[in-house]
PDB file of N, CA and C in Angstrom:
ATOM      1  N   MET A   1      16.889  19.045 -79.568  1.00  0.00           N
ATOM      2  CA  MET A   1      17.504  18.389 -78.681  1.00  0.00           C
ATOM      3  C   MET A   1      17.140  19.044 -77.293  1.00  0.00           C
ATOM      4  N   SER A   2      17.331  20.936 -77.875  1.00  0.00           N
ATOM      5  CA  SER A   2      17.717  21.432 -76.712  1.00  0.00           C
ATOM      6  C   SER A   2      16.409  21.423 -75.503  1.00  0.00           C
ATOM      7  N   ASN A   3      15.380  20.988 -76.283  1.00  0.00           N
ATOM      8  CA  ASN A   3      14.052  21.439 -75.660  1.00  0.00           C
ATOM      9  C   ASN A   3      13.956  19.892 -74.662  1.00  0.00           C
ATOM     10  N   HIS A   4      14.876  18.912 -74.934  1.00  0.00           N
ATOM     11  CA  HIS A   4      14.704  17.752 -73.851  1.00  0.00           C
ATOM     12  C   HIS A   4      16.137  18.318 -72.702  1.00  0.00           C
ATOM     13  N   GLY A   5      17.160  18.734 -73.214  1.00  0.00           N
ATOM     14  CA  GLY A   5      17.778  19.702 -71.992  1.00  0.00           C
ATOM     15  C   GLY A   5      17.297  20.248 -71.321  1.00  0.00           C
ATOM     16  N   ALA A   6      16.169  21.162 -71.650  1.00  0.00           N
ATOM     17  CA  ALA A   6      15.714  21.817 -70.752  1.00  0.00           C
ATOM     18  C   ALA A   6      15.022  21.247 -69.852  1.00  0.00           C
ATOM     19  N   ILE A   7      13.593  20.509 -70.502  1.00  0.00           N
ATOM     20  CA  ILE A   7      13.069  19.604 -69.424  1.00  0.00           C
ATOM     21  C   ILE A   7      13.965  18.855 -68.425  1.00  0.00           C
ATOM     22  N   MET A   8      15.077  18.125 -69.142  1.00  0.00           N
ATOM     23  CA  MET A   8      15.622  17.705 -68.405  1.00  0.00           C
ATOM     24  C   MET A   8      16.085  18.148 -66.926  1.00  0.00           C
ATOM     25  N   GLN A   9      16.836  19.495 -67.331  1.00  0.00           N
ATOM     26  CA  GLN A   9      17.514  20.561 -66.282  1.00  0.00           C
ATOM     27  C   GLN A   9      15.665  20.415 -65.085  1.00  0.00           C
ATOM     28  N   THR A  10      15.125  20.590 -66.162  1.00  0.00           N
ATOM     29  CA  THR A  10      13.561  20.928 -65.240  1.00  0.00           C
ATOM     30  C   THR A  10      13.197  20.099 -64.517  1.00  0.00           C
ATOM     31  N   TYR A  11      13.233  19.067 -64.537  1.00  0.00           N
ATOM     32  CA  TYR A  11      12.877  17.665 -63.760  1.00  0.00           C
ATOM     33  C   TYR A  11      14.211  17.344 -62.715  1.00  0.00           C
ATOM     34  N   ASN A  12      15.393  17.612 -63.356  1.00  0.00           N
ATOM     35  CA  ASN A  12      16.736  17.430 -61.815  1.00  0.00           C
ATOM     36  C   ASN A  12      16.013  18.840 -61.065  1.00  0.00           C
ATOM     37  N   GLN A  13      15.908  20.126 -60.885  1.00  0.00           N
ATOM     38  CA  GLN A  13      15.336  21.378 -60.512  1.00  0.00           C
ATOM     39  C   GLN A  13      14.148  20.764 -59.014  1.00  0.00           C
ATOM     40  N   GLU A  14      13.338  20.324 -59.808  1.00  0.00           N
ATOM     41  CA  GLU A  14      11.965  19.352 -59.615  1.00  0.00           C
ATOM     42  C   GLU A  14      12.724  18.452 -58.106  1.00  0.00           C
ATOM     43  N   LEU A  15      13.621  17.635 -58.932  1.00  0.00           N
ATOM     44  CA  LEU A  15      13.987  16.189 -58.151  1.00  0.00           C
ATOM     45  C   LEU A  15      15.023  16.915 -56.826  1.00  0.00           C
ATOM     46  N   VAL A  16      15.960  17.817 -57.264  1.00  0.00           N
ATOM     47  CA  VAL A  16      16.247  18.701 -56.200  1.00  0.00           C
ATOM     48  C   VAL A  16      15.772  19.226 -54.584  1.00  0.00           C
ATOM     49  N   LYS A  17      14.481  20.251 -55.600  1.00  0.00           N
ATOM     50  CA  LYS A  17      13.966  20.327 -54.430  1.00  0.00           C
ATOM     51  C   LYS A  17      12.926  19.043 -53.729  1.00  0.00           C
ATOM     52  N   PHE A  18      12.295  18.386 -54.255  1.00  0.00           N
ATOM     53  CA  PHE A  18      12.431  17.268 -53.700  1.00  0.00           C
ATOM     54  C   PHE A  18      12.491  16.605 -52.657  1.00  0.00           C
ATOM     55  N   LEU A  19      14.167  16.679 -53.035  1.00  0.00           N
ATOM     56  CA  LEU A  19      15.101  15.794 -52.210  1.00  0.00           C
ATOM     57  C   LEU A  19      15.273  16.701 -51.044  1.00  0.00           C
ATOM     58  N   GLU A  20      15.071  17.943 -51.488  1.00  0.00           N
ATOM     59  CA  GLU A  20      15.359  18.929 -49.899  1.00  0.00           C
ATOM     60  C   GLU A  20      14.171  19.112 -48.857  1.00  0.00           C
ATOM     61  N   THR A  21      12.977  18.836 -49.718  1.00  0.00           N
ATOM     62  CA  THR A  21      11.884  18.435 -48.492  1.00  0.00           C
ATOM     63  C   THR A  21      12.172  17.637 -47.620  1.00  0.00           C
ATOM     64  N   LEU A  22      12.442  16.171 -48.806  1.00  0.00           N
ATOM     65  CA  LEU A  22      12.169  15.424 -47.867  1.00  0.00           C
ATOM     66  C   LEU A  22      13.719  15.202 -46.828  1.00  0.00           C
ATOM     67  N   LYS A  23      14.348  15.947 -47.297  1.00  0.00           N
ATOM     68  CA  LYS A  23      15.346  15.775 -45.840  1.00  0.00           C
ATOM     69  C   LYS A  23      15.137  16.788 -44.246  1.00  0.00           C
ATOM     70  N   ILE A  24      14.437  17.969 -45.038  1.00  0.00           N
ATOM     71  CA  ILE A  24      13.445  18.705 -44.151  1.00  0.00           C
ATOM     72  C   ILE A  24      12.746  18.061 -43.262  1.00  0.00           C
ATOM     73  N   LYS A  25      11.201  17.009 -43.979  1.00  0.00           N
ATOM     74  CA  LYS A  25      10.698  16.047 -42.670  1.00  0.00           C
ATOM     75  C   LYS A  25      11.477  14.906 -42.234  1.00  0.00           C
ATOM     76  N   ARG A  26      12.854  14.531 -42.679  1.00  0.00           N
ATOM     77  CA  ARG A  26      13.407  13.706 -42.443  1.00  0.00           C
ATOM     78  C   ARG A  26      14.172  14.452 -40.935  1.00  0.00           C
ATOM     79  N   VAL A  27      14.568  15.639 -40.678  1.00  0.00           N
ATOM     80  CA  VAL A  27      15.182  16.619 -39.269  1.00  0.00           C
ATOM     81  C   VAL A  27      14.123  16.655 -38.465  1.00  0.00           C
ATOM     82  N   GLN A  28      12.566  16.960 -39.104  1.00  0.00           N
ATOM     83  CA  GLN A  28      11.832  17.027 -38.582  1.00  0.00           C
ATOM     84  C   GLN A  28      10.937  16.188 -37.553  1.00  0.00           C
ATOM     85  N   VAL A  29      10.883  14.864 -38.308  1.00  0.00           N
ATOM     86  CA  VAL A  29      10.456  13.033 -37.952  1.00  0.00           C
ATOM     87  C   VAL A  29      11.809  13.327 -36.909  1.00  0.00           C
ATOM     88  N   ALA A  30      13.026  13.356 -36.488  1.00  0.00           N
ATOM     89  CA  ALA A  30      14.136  13.187 -36.145  1.00  0.00           C
ATOM     90  C   ALA A  30      14.130  13.646 -35.012  1.00  0.00           C
ATOM     91  N   GLU A  31      13.541  14.982 -35.112  1.00  0.00           N
ATOM     92  CA  GLU A  31      13.429  15.779 -33.743  1.00  0.00           C
ATOM     93  C   GLU A  31      11.567  15.571 -33.671  1.00  0.00           C
ATOM     94  N   ARG A  32      11.181  14.692 -33.610  1.00  0.00           N
ATOM     95  CA  ARG A  32       9.904  14.561 -33.151  1.00  0.00           C
ATOM     96  C   ARG A  32      10.133  13.467 -32.561  1.00  0.00           C
ATOM     97  N   ILE A  33      10.983  12.232 -32.445  1.00  0.00           N
ATOM     98  CA  ILE A  33      11.305  10.756 -32.348  1.00  0.00           C
ATOM     99  C   ILE A  33      12.738  11.650 -31.149  1.00  0.00           C
ATOM    100  N   HIS A  34      13.177  12.034 -31.405  1.00  0.00           N
ATOM    101  CA  HIS A  34      13.771  13.073 -29.772  1.00  0.00           C
ATOM    102  C   HIS A  34      13.200  13.035 -28.521  1.00  0.00           C
ATOM    103  N   GLN A  35      11.898  13.752 -29.152  1.00  0.00           N
ATOM    104  CA  GLN A  35      11.152  14.359 -28.380  1.00  0.00           C
ATOM    105  C   GLN A  35      10.431  13.332 -27.626  1.00  0.00           C
ATOM    106  N   GLU A  36       9.788  12.313 -28.621  1.00  0.00           N
ATOM    107  CA  GLU A  36       9.385  11.244 -27.887  1.00  0.00           C
ATOM    108  C   GLU A  36       9.895  10.171 -27.098  1.00  0.00           C
ATOM    109  N   GLU A  37      11.176  10.450 -27.542  1.00  0.00           N
ATOM    110  CA  GLU A  37      11.684   9.452 -26.830  1.00  0.00           C
ATOM    111  C   GLU A  37      12.231  10.223 -25.302  1.00  0.00           C
ATOM    112  N   CYS A  38      12.329  11.311 -25.233  1.00  0.00           N
ATOM    113  CA  CYS A  38      12.516  12.141 -24.069  1.00  0.00           C
ATOM    114  C   CYS A  38      11.428  11.845 -23.194  1.00  0.00           C
ATOM    115  N   ALA A  39      10.157  12.373 -23.845  1.00  0.00           N
ATOM    116  CA  ALA A  39       8.903  12.041 -22.300  1.00  0.00           C
ATOM    117  C   ALA A  39       8.800  10.480 -22.342  1.00  0.00           C
ATOM    118  N   LYS A  40       9.446   9.945 -23.089  1.00  0.00           N
ATOM    119  CA  LYS A  40       8.905   8.040 -22.555  1.00  0.00           C
ATOM    120  C   LYS A  40      10.063   7.778 -21.561  1.00  0.00           C
ATOM    121  N   ALA A  41      11.221   8.411 -21.396  1.00  0.00           N
ATOM    122  CA  ALA A  41      12.320   8.006 -20.700  1.00  0.00           C
ATOM    123  C   ALA A  41      11.751   8.997 -19.441  1.00  0.00           C
ATOM    124  N   GLU A  42      11.257  10.182 -19.197  1.00  0.00           N
ATOM    125  CA  GLU A  42      10.259  10.568 -17.891  1.00  0.00           C
ATOM    126  C   GLU A  42       9.501   9.958 -17.583  1.00  0.00           C
ATOM    127  N   LEU A  43       8.268   9.529 -18.697  1.00  0.00           N
ATOM    128  CA  LEU A  43       7.616   8.333 -18.274  1.00  0.00           C
ATOM    129  C   LEU A  43       8.160   6.914 -17.513  1.00  0.00           C
ATOM    130  N   GLU A  44       9.096   6.614 -17.840  1.00  0.00           N
ATOM    131  CA  GLU A  44       9.861   5.617 -17.129  1.00  0.00           C
ATOM    132  C   GLU A  44       9.968   5.633 -15.946  1.00  0.00           C
ATOM    133  N   LYS A  45      10.981   7.027 -16.104  1.00  0.00           N
ATOM    134  CA  LYS A  45      11.434   7.667 -14.672  1.00  0.00           C
ATOM    135  C   LYS A  45      10.230   7.713 -13.784  1.00  0.00           C
ATOM    136  N   THR A  46       9.135   8.201 -13.831  1.00  0.00           N
ATOM    137  CA  THR A  46       8.337   8.112 -13.278  1.00  0.00           C
ATOM    138  C   THR A  46       7.126   7.461 -12.245  1.00  0.00           C
ATOM    139  N   MET A  47       7.371   6.244 -13.412  1.00  0.00           N
ATOM    140  CA  MET A  47       6.705   4.343 -13.232  1.00  0.00           C
ATOM    141  C   MET A  47       7.511   3.847 -12.505  1.00  0.00           C
ATOM    142  N   SER A  48       8.976   4.249 -12.740  1.00  0.00           N
ATOM    143  CA  SER A  48      10.122   3.314 -11.767  1.00  0.00           C
ATOM    144  C   SER A  48       9.690   3.982 -10.508  1.00  0.00           C
ATOM    145  N   ASP A  49       9.839   5.282 -10.201  1.00  0.00           N
ATOM    146  CA  ASP A  49       9.751   5.948  -8.873  1.00  0.00           C
ATOM    147  C   ASP A  49       8.153   6.072  -8.012  1.00  0.00           C
ATOM    148  N   LEU A  50       6.981   5.606  -8.724  1.00  0.00           N
ATOM    149  CA  LEU A  50       6.093   5.115  -8.673  1.00  0.00           C
ATOM    150  C   LEU A  50       5.726   3.699  -8.209  1.00  0.00           C
ATOM    151  N   GLN A  51       6.599   2.530  -8.534  1.00  0.00           N
ATOM    152  CA  GLN A  51       6.629   1.192  -8.388  1.00  0.00           C
ATOM    153  C   GLN A  51       7.274   1.407  -6.801  1.00  0.00           C
ATOM    154  N   ASP A  52       8.464   2.285  -6.638  1.00  0.00           N
ATOM    155  CA  ASP A  52       8.888   2.424  -6.100  1.00  0.00           C
ATOM    156  C   ASP A  52       8.186   2.629  -4.601  1.00  0.00           C
ATOM    157  N   LYS A  53       7.593   3.464  -4.611  1.00  0.00           N
ATOM    158  CA  LYS A  53       6.427   4.126  -3.518  1.00  0.00           C
ATOM    159  C   LYS A  53       5.180   2.987  -3.395  1.00  0.00           C
ATOM    160  N   ILE A  54       5.363   2.519  -4.438  1.00  0.00           N
ATOM    161  CA  ILE A  54       4.122   1.152  -4.333  1.00  0.00           C
ATOM    162  C   ILE A  54       4.940   0.501  -3.503  1.00  0.00           C
ATOM    163  N   LYS A  55       5.972  -0.296  -3.724  1.00  0.00           N
ATOM    164  CA  LYS A  55       6.596  -0.878  -3.147  1.00  0.00           C
ATOM    165  C   LYS A  55       6.987  -0.884  -1.370  1.00  0.00           C
ATOM    166  N   HIS A  56       7.099   0.905  -1.013  1.00  0.00           N
ATOM    167  CA  HIS A  56       7.318   1.005   0.456  1.00  0.00           C
ATOM    168  C   HIS A  56       6.215   0.984   0.837  1.00  0.00           C
ATOM    169  N   CYS A  57       4.477   1.143   0.316  1.00  0.00           N
ATOM    170  CA  CYS A  57       3.718   1.103   0.605  1.00  0.00           C
ATOM    171  C   CYS A  57       2.946   0.322   1.159  1.00  0.00           C
ATOM    172  N   ASP A  58       3.538  -1.303   0.295  1.00  0.00           N
ATOM    173  CA  ASP A  58       3.278  -2.530   0.627  1.00  0.00           C
ATOM    174  C   ASP A  58       4.229  -3.400   2.027  1.00  0.00           C
ATOM    175  N   ASP A  59       4.807  -3.104   1.424  1.00  0.00           N
ATOM    176  CA  ASP A  59       6.360  -3.266   2.733  1.00  0.00           C
ATOM    177  C   ASP A  59       5.702  -2.583   4.170  1.00  0.00           C
ATOM    178  N   SER A  60       4.846  -1.446   3.958  1.00  0.00           N
ATOM    179  CA  SER A  60       4.622  -0.689   5.382  1.00  0.00           C
ATOM    180  C   SER A  60       3.337  -1.620   5.370  1.00  0.00           C
ATOM    181  N   LEU A  61       2.386  -1.642   4.936  1.00  0.00           N
ATOM    182  CA  LEU A  61       0.947  -1.957   4.772  1.00  0.00           C
ATOM    183  C   LEU A  61       1.219  -3.860   5.620  1.00  0.00           C
ATOM    184  N   GLU A  62       2.395  -4.037   5.340  1.00  0.00           N
ATOM    185  CA  GLU A  62       2.869  -5.658   5.868  1.00  0.00           C
ATOM    186  C   GLU A  62       2.908  -5.800   6.870  1.00  0.00           C
ATOM    187  N   GLN A  63       3.538  -4.547   7.063  1.00  0.00           N
ATOM    188  CA  GLN A  63       4.208  -4.885   8.391  1.00  0.00           C
ATOM    189  C   GLN A  63       2.997  -4.138   9.308  1.00  0.00           C
ATOM    190  N   HIS A  64       2.155  -2.926   9.382  1.00  0.00           N
ATOM    191  CA  HIS A  64       1.040  -2.654  10.363  1.00  0.00           C
ATOM    192  C   HIS A  64      -0.276  -3.698  10.075  1.00  0.00           C
ATOM    193  N   LYS A  65      -0.098  -4.789   9.518  1.00  0.00           N
ATOM    194  CA  LYS A  65      -0.875  -5.897   9.461  1.00  0.00           C
ATOM    195  C   LYS A  65      -0.870  -6.271  10.260  1.00  0.00           C
ATOM    196  N   SER A  66       0.874  -7.018  10.341  1.00  0.00           N
ATOM    197  CA  SER A  66       1.376  -8.101  11.189  1.00  0.00           C
ATOM    198  C   SER A  66       1.071  -7.065  12.635  1.00  0.00           C
ATOM    199  N   ILE A  67       1.867  -5.932  12.649  1.00  0.00           N
ATOM    200  CA  ILE A  67       1.148  -5.350  14.431  1.00  0.00           C
ATOM    201  C   ILE A  67      -0.088  -5.117  14.492  1.00  0.00           C
ATOM    202  N   TYR A  68      -1.173  -4.795  13.695  1.00  0.00           N
ATOM    203  CA  TYR A  68      -2.398  -5.066  14.225  1.00  0.00           C
ATOM    204  C   TYR A  68      -3.032  -6.605  14.361  1.00  0.00           C
ATOM    205  N   GLU A  69      -2.120  -7.564  14.385  1.00  0.00           N
ATOM    206  CA  GLU A  69      -3.021  -9.109  14.700  1.00  0.00           C
ATOM    207  C   GLU A  69      -2.231  -9.539  15.990  1.00  0.00           C
ATOM    208  N   HIS A  70      -1.113  -8.075  15.490  1.00  0.00           N
ATOM    209  CA  HIS A  70      -0.098  -8.761  17.266  1.00  0.00           C
ATOM    210  C   HIS A  70      -0.873  -8.202  18.321  1.00  0.00           C
ATOM    211  N   TYR A  71      -1.844  -7.198  18.010  1.00  0.00           N
ATOM    212  CA  TYR A  71      -2.753  -6.334  19.194  1.00  0.00           C
ATOM    213  C   TYR A  71      -3.871  -7.282  19.117  1.00  0.00           C
ATOM    214  N   ASN A  72      -4.456  -8.059  17.990  1.00  0.00           N
ATOM    215  CA  ASN A  72      -5.615  -8.791  18.401  1.00  0.00           C
ATOM    216  C   ASN A  72      -5.500  -9.384  19.459  1.00  0.00           C
ATOM    217  N   LYS A  73      -3.897 -10.014  19.228  1.00  0.00           N
ATOM    218  CA  LYS A  73      -3.646 -11.681  20.199  1.00  0.00           C
ATOM    219  C   LYS A  73      -3.357 -11.401  21.544  1.00  0.00           C
ATOM    220  N   VAL A  74      -2.861 -10.394  21.365  1.00  0.00           N
ATOM    221  CA  VAL A  74      -2.621  -9.884  23.188  1.00  0.00           C
ATOM    222  C   VAL A  74      -4.110  -8.719  23.518  1.00  0.00           C
ATOM    223  N   ILE A  75      -4.842  -8.368  22.899  1.00  0.00           N
ATOM    224  CA  ILE A  75      -6.028  -8.262  23.880  1.00  0.00           C
ATOM    225  C   ILE A  75      -7.190  -9.068  23.431  1.00  0.00           C
ATOM    226  N   GLU A  76      -7.342 -10.679  22.989  1.00  0.00           N
ATOM    227  CA  GLU A  76      -7.398 -11.419  23.109  1.00  0.00           C
ATOM    228  C   GLU A  76      -7.418 -12.262  24.340  1.00  0.00           C
ATOM    229  N   GLU A  77      -5.609 -12.692  24.892  1.00  0.00           N
ATOM    230  CA  GLU A  77      -5.005 -12.690  25.719  1.00  0.00           C
ATOM    231  C   GLU A  77      -5.799 -12.535  27.124  1.00  0.00           C
ATOM    232  N   VAL A  78      -5.404 -10.771  27.161  1.00  0.00           N
ATOM    233  CA  VAL A  78      -5.757  -9.866  28.107  1.00  0.00           C
ATOM    234  C   VAL A  78      -7.490 -10.473  28.914  1.00  0.00           C
ATOM    235  N   GLU A  79      -8.054 -10.290  27.666  1.00  0.00           N
ATOM    236  CA  GLU A  79      -9.340 -10.181  27.730  1.00  0.00           C
ATOM    237  C   GLU A  79      -9.290 -11.764  28.401  1.00  0.00           C
ATOM    238  N   THR A  80      -9.072 -12.565  28.027  1.00  0.00           N
ATOM    239  CA  THR A  80      -9.222 -14.363  28.507  1.00  0.00           C
ATOM    240  C   THR A  80      -8.899 -14.134  29.996  1.00  0.00           C
ATOM    241  N   GLY A  81      -7.331 -14.105  30.036  1.00  0.00           N
ATOM    242  CA  GLY A  81      -6.909 -13.650  31.581  1.00  0.00           C
ATOM    243  C   GLY A  81      -8.333 -12.725  32.584  1.00  0.00           C
ATOM    244  N   PHE A  82      -9.187 -12.198  31.697  1.00  0.00           N
ATOM    245  CA  PHE A  82      -9.288 -10.889  33.088  1.00  0.00           C
ATOM    246  C   PHE A  82     -10.730 -12.102  33.069  1.00  0.00           C
ATOM    247  N   LYS A  83     -11.017 -12.391  31.664  1.00  0.00           N
ATOM    248  CA  LYS A  83     -12.468 -13.551  32.771  1.00  0.00           C
ATOM    249  C   LYS A  83     -11.815 -14.521  33.293  1.00  0.00           C
ATOM    250  N   LYS A  84     -11.336 -15.046  33.701  1.00  0.00           N
ATOM    251  CA  LYS A  84     -10.776 -16.302  34.648  1.00  0.00           C
ATOM    252  C   LYS A  84     -10.670 -15.455  35.774  1.00  0.00           C
ATOM    253  N   ILE A  85     -10.098 -14.236  36.481  1.00  0.00           N
ATOM    254  CA  ILE A  85      -9.638 -12.977  37.164  1.00  0.00           C
ATOM    255  C   ILE A  85     -11.411 -13.237  37.931  1.00  0.00           C
ATOM    256  N   LEU A  86     -12.224 -12.843  36.801  1.00  0.00           N
ATOM    257  CA  LEU A  86     -13.477 -12.007  37.314  1.00  0.00           C
ATOM    258  C   LEU A  86     -14.337 -13.379  37.759  1.00  0.00           C
ATOM    259  N   GLU A  87     -13.917 -14.338  37.004  1.00  0.00           N
ATOM    260  CA  GLU A  87     -15.040 -16.059  37.297  1.00  0.00           C
ATOM    261  C   GLU A  87     -13.649 -15.971  38.845  1.00  0.00           C
ATOM    262  N   THR A  88     -12.461 -15.813  38.841  1.00  0.00           N
ATOM    263  CA  THR A  88     -11.829 -16.093  40.449  1.00  0.00           C
ATOM    264  C   THR A  88     -12.138 -15.686  41.315  1.00  0.00           C
ATOM    265  N   SER A  89     -12.516 -14.433  41.357  1.00  0.00           N
ATOM    266  CA  SER A  89     -13.022 -13.019  42.182  1.00  0.00           C
ATOM    267  C   SER A  89     -14.211 -14.047  43.098  1.00  0.00           C
ATOM    268  N   LYS A  90     -15.191 -14.296  41.667  1.00  0.00           N
ATOM    269  CA  LYS A  90     -16.863 -14.531  42.107  1.00  0.00           C
ATOM    270  C   LYS A  90     -16.448 -15.483  42.460  1.00  0.00           C
ATOM    271  N   THR A  91     -15.764 -16.825  42.517  1.00  0.00           N
ATOM    272  CA  THR A  91     -16.022 -17.898  43.470  1.00  0.00           C
ATOM    273  C   THR A  91     -15.500 -17.994  44.869  1.00  0.00           C
ATOM    274  N   LEU A  92     -14.057 -16.801  44.945  1.00  0.00           N
ATOM    275  CA  LEU A  92     -13.756 -16.323  45.856  1.00  0.00           C
ATOM    276  C   LEU A  92     -14.926 -15.546  46.661  1.00  0.00           C
ATOM    277  N   LEU A  93     -15.274 -14.982  46.028  1.00  0.00           N
ATOM    278  CA  LEU A  93     -16.894 -14.074  46.933  1.00  0.00           C
ATOM    279  C   LEU A  93     -17.625 -14.682  47.706  1.00  0.00           C
ATOM    280  N   GLN A  94     -18.257 -16.090  46.659  1.00  0.00           N
ATOM    281  CA  GLN A  94     -18.534 -16.982  47.591  1.00  0.00           C
ATOM    282  C   GLN A  94     -18.654 -18.045  48.150  1.00  0.00           C
ATOM    283  N   VAL A  95     -17.339 -17.968  48.364  1.00  0.00           N
ATOM    284  CA  VAL A  95     -16.608 -18.957  49.115  1.00  0.00           C
ATOM    285  C   VAL A  95     -16.651 -18.120  50.690  1.00  0.00           C
ATOM    286  N   ALA A  96     -16.220 -16.458  50.726  1.00  0.00           N
ATOM    287  CA  ALA A  96     -16.288 -16.156  51.746  1.00  0.00           C
ATOM    288  C   ALA A  96     -17.723 -15.302  52.228  1.00  0.00           C
ATOM    289  N   GLN A  97     -18.341 -15.420  51.614  1.00  0.00           N
ATOM    290  CA  GLN A  97     -19.881 -15.612  51.885  1.00  0.00           C
ATOM    291  C   GLN A  97     -20.219 -16.241  52.176  1.00  0.00           C
ATOM    292  N   HIS A  98     -19.864 -17.556  52.199  1.00  0.00           N
ATOM    293  CA  HIS A  98     -20.496 -18.295  52.638  1.00  0.00           C
ATOM    294  C   HIS A  98     -19.454 -19.228  54.222  1.00  0.00           C
ATOM    295  N   GLU A  99     -18.576 -18.910  53.764  1.00  0.00           N
ATOM    296  CA  GLU A  99     -17.885 -18.931  55.384  1.00  0.00           C
ATOM    297  C   GLU A  99     -18.841 -17.599  56.156  1.00  0.00           C
ATOM    298  N   VAL A 100     -18.561 -16.454  56.583  1.00  0.00           N
ATOM    299  CA  VAL A 100     -19.234 -15.465  57.170  1.00  0.00           C
ATOM    300  C   VAL A 100     -21.108 -16.141  57.098  1.00  0.00           C
ATOM    301  N   ASN A 101     -21.040 -16.577  56.625  1.00  0.00           N
ATOM    302  CA  ASN A 101     -22.504 -17.089  56.915  1.00  0.00           C
ATOM    303  C   ASN A 101     -22.358 -18.058  58.160  1.00  0.00           C
ATOM    304  N   LYS A 102     -21.230 -19.357  57.735  1.00  0.00           N
ATOM    305  CA  LYS A 102     -21.037 -20.213  58.412  1.00  0.00           C
ATOM    306  C   LYS A 102     -20.993 -19.379  59.903  1.00  0.00           C
ATOM    307  N   LEU A 103     -19.965 -19.021  59.861  1.00  0.00           N
ATOM    308  CA  LEU A 103     -19.412 -18.115  61.508  1.00  0.00           C
ATOM    309  C   LEU A 103     -20.726 -17.427  62.019  1.00  0.00           C
ATOM    310  N   ASN A 104     -21.654 -16.873  61.068  1.00  0.00           N
ATOM    311  CA  ASN A 104     -22.849 -16.102  61.317  1.00  0.00           C
ATOM    312  C   ASN A 104     -23.622 -16.942  62.465  1.00  0.00           C
ATOM    313  N   ILE A 105     -23.838 -18.551  61.566  1.00  0.00           N
ATOM    314  CA  ILE A 105     -24.898 -19.425  61.667  1.00  0.00           C
ATOM    315  C   ILE A 105     -24.533 -20.047  63.626  1.00  0.00           C
ATOM    316  N   SER A 106     -22.693 -19.687  63.510  1.00  0.00           N
ATOM    317  CA  SER A 106     -22.264 -20.489  64.692  1.00  0.00           C
ATOM    318  C   SER A 106     -21.885 -19.799  65.723  1.00  0.00           C
ATOM    319  N   THR A 107     -22.479 -18.342  65.056  1.00  0.00           N
ATOM    320  CA  THR A 107     -21.908 -17.707  66.498  1.00  0.00           C
ATOM    321  C   THR A 107     -23.427 -16.807  66.865  1.00  0.00           C
ATOM    322  N   ASN A 108     -24.468 -17.004  66.467  1.00  0.00           N
ATOM    323  CA  ASN A 108     -25.755 -17.111  66.766  1.00  0.00           C
ATOM    324  C   ASN A 108     -26.295 -18.062  67.273  1.00  0.00           C
ATOM    325  N   SER A 109     -25.759 -19.482  67.375  1.00  0.00           N
ATOM    326  CA  SER A 109     -26.042 -20.761  68.274  1.00  0.00           C
ATOM    327  C   SER A 109     -24.956 -20.445  68.959  1.00  0.00           C
ATOM    328  N   GLN A 110     -24.368 -19.870  69.756  1.00  0.00           N
ATOM    329  CA  GLN A 110     -23.919 -19.515  70.909  1.00  0.00           C
ATOM    330  C   GLN A 110     -24.086 -18.715  71.877  1.00  0.00           C
ATOM    331  N   ASN A 111     -24.277 -17.782  71.118  1.00  0.00           N
ATOM    332  CA  ASN A 111     -25.767 -16.712  71.444  1.00  0.00           C
ATOM    333  C   ASN A 111     -26.532 -17.016  72.524  1.00  0.00           C
ATOM    334  N   GLU A 112     -27.743 -18.378  71.939  1.00  0.00           N
ATOM    335  CA  GLU A 112     -29.245 -18.110  71.985  1.00  0.00           C
ATOM    336  C   GLU A 112     -28.725 -19.036  73.716  1.00  0.00           C
ATOM    337  N   PRO A 113     -29.642 -18.904  74.422  1.00  0.00           N
ATOM    338  CA  PRO A 113     -29.409 -19.246  75.872  1.00  0.00           C
ATOM    339  C   PRO A 113     -29.989 -20.603  75.781  1.00  0.00           C
ATOM    340  N   ILE A 114     -28.985 -21.675  76.699  1.00  0.00           N
ATOM    341  CA  ILE A 114     -29.101 -23.157  76.565  1.00  0.00           C
ATOM    342  C   ILE A 114     -30.109 -23.707  77.626  1.00  0.00           C
TER     343      ILE A 114
END
């Protein structure tokens, strides 16, 4: 029977050692969990910061695209107005030349001997 008691005590000691090993591993895993949770929180913060930057960039892009389109519209209107001014200037020049020619013909006919 004493043999059974010794075997039992050996099993008991091994069981205590095994439990201590399990507890150490549990602490190690808990530390790993804590590290990974901290890393995750840091990544989430970085991601949030990046999303804020993307939103700011999108807003800025939208504003600049609107300004760009406004420039296009203004340029188109100015070019159209300038073309009209050129056409009007051309017409005015043609009318002025026609009137000068009429005056020259009239002046030449008056200078001719009768």
